[in-house]
N, C-alpha and C. Protein backbone atom coordinates (compact mmCIF):
# COMPACT_ATOMS: atom_id res chain seq x y z
N MET A 1 -7.85 -1.14 -43.58
CA MET A 1 -7.83 0.08 -42.93
C MET A 1 -8.61 0.94 -43.90
N LEU A 2 -9.38 1.95 -43.19
CA LEU A 2 -10.24 2.91 -43.69
C LEU A 2 -10.11 3.90 -44.54
N THR A 3 -10.82 4.25 -45.53
CA THR A 3 -10.56 5.23 -46.44
C THR A 3 -10.94 6.65 -45.70
N PRO A 4 -10.45 7.63 -46.19
CA PRO A 4 -11.19 8.72 -45.62
C PRO A 4 -12.44 9.24 -45.96
N THR A 5 -13.02 8.51 -46.84
CA THR A 5 -14.58 8.47 -47.15
C THR A 5 -15.29 7.78 -46.01
N GLY A 6 -14.87 6.42 -45.82
CA GLY A 6 -15.32 5.59 -44.73
C GLY A 6 -15.34 6.14 -43.25
N THR A 7 -14.11 6.71 -43.14
CA THR A 7 -13.76 7.21 -41.71
C THR A 7 -15.00 8.38 -41.39
N LEU A 8 -15.13 9.15 -42.74
CA LEU A 8 -16.26 10.43 -42.41
C LEU A 8 -17.46 9.76 -42.45
N THR A 9 -17.77 8.78 -43.08
CA THR A 9 -19.19 8.12 -43.32
C THR A 9 -19.27 7.69 -41.48
N MET A 10 -18.52 6.90 -41.15
CA MET A 10 -18.56 6.45 -39.68
C MET A 10 -18.58 7.59 -38.81
N ALA A 11 -18.19 8.72 -38.95
CA ALA A 11 -17.94 9.69 -37.73
C ALA A 11 -19.28 10.44 -37.74
N LEU A 12 -19.88 10.43 -39.28
CA LEU A 12 -21.34 11.01 -39.34
C LEU A 12 -22.29 10.13 -38.52
N ARG A 13 -22.27 8.77 -39.00
CA ARG A 13 -23.34 7.84 -38.42
C ARG A 13 -23.21 7.86 -37.04
N THR A 14 -21.73 7.86 -36.43
CA THR A 14 -21.83 7.94 -35.03
C THR A 14 -22.40 9.04 -34.34
N ALA A 15 -22.23 10.33 -35.03
CA ALA A 15 -22.80 11.57 -34.52
C ALA A 15 -24.28 11.60 -34.63
N LEU A 16 -24.75 10.98 -35.50
CA LEU A 16 -26.31 10.96 -35.90
C LEU A 16 -26.78 10.21 -34.68
N GLY A 17 -26.48 8.97 -34.51
CA GLY A 17 -26.65 8.28 -33.62
C GLY A 17 -26.74 8.37 -32.03
N SER A 18 -25.45 9.61 -31.97
CA SER A 18 -25.36 10.01 -30.38
C SER A 18 -26.43 11.00 -30.18
N ALA A 19 -26.84 12.10 -31.46
CA ALA A 19 -27.76 12.96 -31.30
C ALA A 19 -29.04 12.67 -31.07
N LEU A 20 -29.68 11.37 -32.06
CA LEU A 20 -30.87 10.76 -31.48
C LEU A 20 -31.09 10.24 -30.37
N THR A 21 -29.89 9.65 -29.73
CA THR A 21 -29.94 9.13 -28.59
C THR A 21 -30.04 10.01 -27.24
N LEU A 22 -29.43 11.22 -27.62
CA LEU A 22 -29.54 12.22 -26.59
C LEU A 22 -31.04 12.97 -26.66
N TYR A 23 -31.47 13.01 -27.88
CA TYR A 23 -32.79 13.73 -28.20
C TYR A 23 -33.77 12.85 -27.24
N MET A 24 -33.62 11.35 -27.74
CA MET A 24 -34.45 10.52 -26.52
C MET A 24 -34.58 10.60 -25.26
N LEU A 25 -33.37 10.82 -24.86
CA LEU A 25 -32.90 10.88 -23.05
C LEU A 25 -33.60 12.43 -23.11
N ALA A 26 -33.70 13.55 -23.56
CA ALA A 26 -34.09 14.74 -23.38
C ALA A 26 -35.75 14.39 -23.47
N ILE A 27 -36.27 13.66 -24.29
CA ILE A 27 -37.54 13.57 -24.24
C ILE A 27 -38.16 12.70 -22.99
N LEU A 28 -37.40 11.67 -22.50
CA LEU A 28 -37.61 10.88 -21.36
C LEU A 28 -37.43 12.07 -19.94
N LEU A 29 -36.58 12.71 -19.84
CA LEU A 29 -36.41 13.81 -18.86
C LEU A 29 -37.48 14.93 -18.94
N ARG A 30 -37.93 15.45 -19.83
CA ARG A 30 -39.22 16.04 -19.93
C ARG A 30 -40.29 15.59 -19.69
N TRP A 31 -40.43 14.17 -19.55
CA TRP A 31 -41.82 13.49 -19.37
C TRP A 31 -41.50 13.01 -17.65
N THR A 32 -40.29 12.73 -17.07
CA THR A 32 -40.09 12.64 -15.88
C THR A 32 -39.89 13.56 -14.97
N ALA A 33 -39.79 14.84 -15.64
CA ALA A 33 -39.55 16.08 -14.50
C ALA A 33 -40.30 16.42 -13.54
N PRO A 34 -41.92 16.32 -13.83
CA PRO A 34 -42.79 16.52 -12.42
C PRO A 34 -42.37 15.46 -11.29
N TRP A 35 -42.10 14.14 -11.75
CA TRP A 35 -41.69 13.22 -10.77
C TRP A 35 -40.43 13.39 -10.19
N LEU A 36 -39.58 13.99 -10.84
CA LEU A 36 -38.12 14.05 -10.31
C LEU A 36 -38.20 15.70 -9.76
N GLU A 37 -39.12 16.27 -9.86
CA GLU A 37 -39.24 17.75 -9.33
C GLU A 37 -38.48 18.73 -9.78
N LEU A 38 -38.15 18.67 -11.12
CA LEU A 38 -37.35 19.63 -11.66
C LEU A 38 -38.08 20.64 -12.42
N ASP A 39 -37.77 22.04 -12.17
CA ASP A 39 -38.36 23.01 -12.84
C ASP A 39 -37.79 23.48 -14.08
N LEU A 40 -38.62 22.83 -15.12
CA LEU A 40 -38.08 23.12 -16.45
C LEU A 40 -38.09 24.85 -17.03
N ARG A 41 -38.62 25.32 -16.39
CA ARG A 41 -38.56 26.96 -16.52
C ARG A 41 -37.32 27.48 -15.99
N ALA A 42 -36.75 26.97 -15.02
CA ALA A 42 -35.32 27.23 -14.83
C ALA A 42 -34.45 27.70 -16.04
N ARG A 43 -33.57 28.92 -15.81
CA ARG A 43 -32.68 28.97 -16.82
C ARG A 43 -31.80 28.07 -17.63
N HIS A 44 -31.34 27.23 -16.65
CA HIS A 44 -30.43 25.89 -17.41
C HIS A 44 -31.21 25.11 -17.77
N LEU A 45 -32.48 24.62 -17.65
CA LEU A 45 -33.26 23.53 -18.13
C LEU A 45 -34.40 24.20 -19.23
N ARG A 46 -34.43 25.45 -19.47
CA ARG A 46 -35.35 25.91 -20.44
C ARG A 46 -35.31 25.76 -21.79
N TRP A 47 -34.20 25.07 -22.14
CA TRP A 47 -33.79 24.22 -23.61
C TRP A 47 -34.87 23.13 -23.80
N ILE A 48 -34.86 22.64 -22.65
CA ILE A 48 -35.73 20.86 -22.94
C ILE A 48 -36.55 21.01 -23.83
N PRO A 49 -37.82 21.77 -22.67
CA PRO A 49 -39.10 21.85 -23.47
C PRO A 49 -39.07 22.35 -25.01
N GLN A 50 -38.19 23.55 -25.08
CA GLN A 50 -38.13 23.68 -26.43
C GLN A 50 -37.65 23.07 -27.60
N ILE A 51 -36.93 22.01 -27.02
CA ILE A 51 -36.63 21.03 -28.53
C ILE A 51 -37.26 19.62 -28.35
N THR A 52 -38.16 19.50 -27.21
CA THR A 52 -39.21 18.33 -27.17
C THR A 52 -40.25 18.56 -27.63
N ASP A 53 -41.02 19.47 -27.23
CA ASP A 53 -42.30 19.74 -27.25
C ASP A 53 -42.64 19.73 -28.85
N PRO A 54 -42.13 20.37 -29.50
CA PRO A 54 -42.70 19.99 -30.96
C PRO A 54 -43.31 18.73 -31.25
N LEU A 55 -42.23 17.65 -31.16
CA LEU A 55 -42.52 16.50 -31.27
C LEU A 55 -43.48 15.60 -30.34
N ILE A 56 -43.32 16.14 -29.37
CA ILE A 56 -44.25 15.49 -28.29
C ILE A 56 -45.97 16.09 -28.69
N ASN A 57 -45.64 17.44 -28.68
CA ASN A 57 -47.27 18.01 -29.60
C ASN A 57 -47.82 17.28 -30.57
N LEU A 58 -46.92 16.83 -31.50
CA LEU A 58 -47.32 16.51 -32.85
C LEU A 58 -47.78 14.80 -32.50
N MET A 59 -47.18 14.24 -31.40
CA MET A 59 -47.86 12.91 -31.17
C MET A 59 -48.95 13.04 -30.41
N ARG A 60 -49.17 13.96 -29.59
CA ARG A 60 -50.29 14.05 -28.80
C ARG A 60 -51.61 14.23 -29.66
N ARG A 61 -51.11 14.91 -30.83
CA ARG A 61 -52.24 15.35 -32.05
C ARG A 61 -52.80 14.11 -32.33
N ILE A 62 -51.84 13.12 -32.92
CA ILE A 62 -51.96 12.15 -33.83
C ILE A 62 -52.71 10.95 -32.99
N LEU A 63 -52.37 11.00 -31.60
CA LEU A 63 -52.75 9.70 -30.77
C LEU A 63 -54.26 10.06 -30.21
N PRO A 64 -55.33 9.09 -30.06
CA PRO A 64 -56.46 9.49 -29.51
C PRO A 64 -56.26 9.52 -27.92
N PRO A 65 -57.12 10.43 -27.37
CA PRO A 65 -57.04 10.58 -25.93
C PRO A 65 -57.08 9.22 -25.34
N ALA A 66 -56.32 9.36 -24.19
CA ALA A 66 -55.93 7.71 -23.38
C ALA A 66 -56.43 8.11 -21.97
N GLY A 67 -57.38 8.71 -21.48
CA GLY A 67 -57.99 9.22 -20.20
C GLY A 67 -56.69 9.97 -19.68
N PRO A 68 -56.12 9.63 -18.46
CA PRO A 68 -55.47 10.34 -17.79
C PRO A 68 -53.78 10.37 -17.75
N MET A 69 -53.79 9.29 -19.00
CA MET A 69 -52.22 8.98 -19.39
C MET A 69 -52.10 9.85 -20.55
N ASP A 70 -50.72 10.13 -20.33
CA ASP A 70 -49.95 10.86 -21.47
C ASP A 70 -48.98 10.19 -22.46
N TRP A 71 -49.50 9.47 -23.26
CA TRP A 71 -48.71 8.81 -24.26
C TRP A 71 -48.02 9.36 -25.09
N GLY A 72 -48.01 10.83 -25.60
CA GLY A 72 -46.98 11.56 -26.49
C GLY A 72 -45.53 11.45 -26.53
N PRO A 73 -45.10 11.39 -24.86
CA PRO A 73 -43.50 11.24 -24.88
C PRO A 73 -43.29 9.70 -24.90
N VAL A 74 -43.84 8.70 -24.73
CA VAL A 74 -44.08 7.52 -24.90
C VAL A 74 -43.77 7.36 -26.65
N ALA A 75 -44.72 7.84 -27.50
CA ALA A 75 -45.16 7.79 -28.81
C ALA A 75 -43.61 8.24 -29.22
N ALA A 76 -43.20 9.56 -28.97
CA ALA A 76 -42.23 10.46 -29.46
C ALA A 76 -40.82 9.74 -29.20
N VAL A 77 -40.48 8.97 -28.03
CA VAL A 77 -39.50 8.21 -28.07
C VAL A 77 -39.24 7.01 -28.74
N THR A 78 -40.36 6.49 -28.79
CA THR A 78 -40.73 5.18 -29.90
C THR A 78 -40.47 5.54 -31.35
N ALA A 79 -40.78 6.50 -31.73
CA ALA A 79 -40.66 7.17 -33.03
C ALA A 79 -39.07 7.52 -33.14
N VAL A 80 -38.70 8.27 -32.69
CA VAL A 80 -36.96 8.65 -32.57
C VAL A 80 -36.09 7.34 -32.89
N TRP A 81 -36.64 6.05 -31.66
CA TRP A 81 -36.05 5.15 -31.64
C TRP A 81 -36.03 4.18 -33.21
N ILE A 82 -37.16 4.31 -33.70
CA ILE A 82 -37.49 3.55 -35.08
C ILE A 82 -36.70 4.48 -36.21
N ILE A 83 -36.82 5.75 -36.13
CA ILE A 83 -35.94 6.34 -37.23
C ILE A 83 -34.43 5.93 -36.89
N ARG A 84 -34.02 5.89 -35.63
CA ARG A 84 -32.49 5.65 -35.69
C ARG A 84 -32.16 4.29 -35.95
N LEU A 85 -33.32 3.18 -35.97
CA LEU A 85 -32.87 1.96 -36.01
C LEU A 85 -33.03 1.68 -37.76
N VAL A 86 -34.09 2.62 -38.36
CA VAL A 86 -33.94 2.50 -39.80
C VAL A 86 -32.71 2.84 -40.33
N LEU A 87 -32.70 4.25 -39.97
CA LEU A 87 -31.47 5.10 -40.56
C LEU A 87 -30.04 4.27 -40.43
N LEU A 88 -29.59 3.99 -39.10
CA LEU A 88 -28.35 3.60 -38.75
C LEU A 88 -28.46 2.02 -38.53
N GLN A 89 -29.19 1.43 -38.55
CA GLN A 89 -29.21 -0.33 -38.10
C GLN A 89 -28.78 -0.61 -36.79
N TYR A 90 -29.03 0.32 -35.94
CA TYR A 90 -28.66 -0.08 -34.44
C TYR A 90 -29.37 0.61 -33.51
């Protein structure tokens, strides 16, 4: 049987893991939006660039130019995945 502290810890781990996974999905949606013909300036989608662009732009500044390919979103998803793996071990 779990103690109240164990239950709270498990709930926080699950919430953090879910939030990081949803953030990775938002980055992937931001990256594939041009191919899916999504207008990210539409009112109901405007929040996606606002939450994903800071990390993607940081990755673009860190990575060297790679021709026409934009590796910022790939690096951002990889970074969030590694953070989730290190913090939560899943």
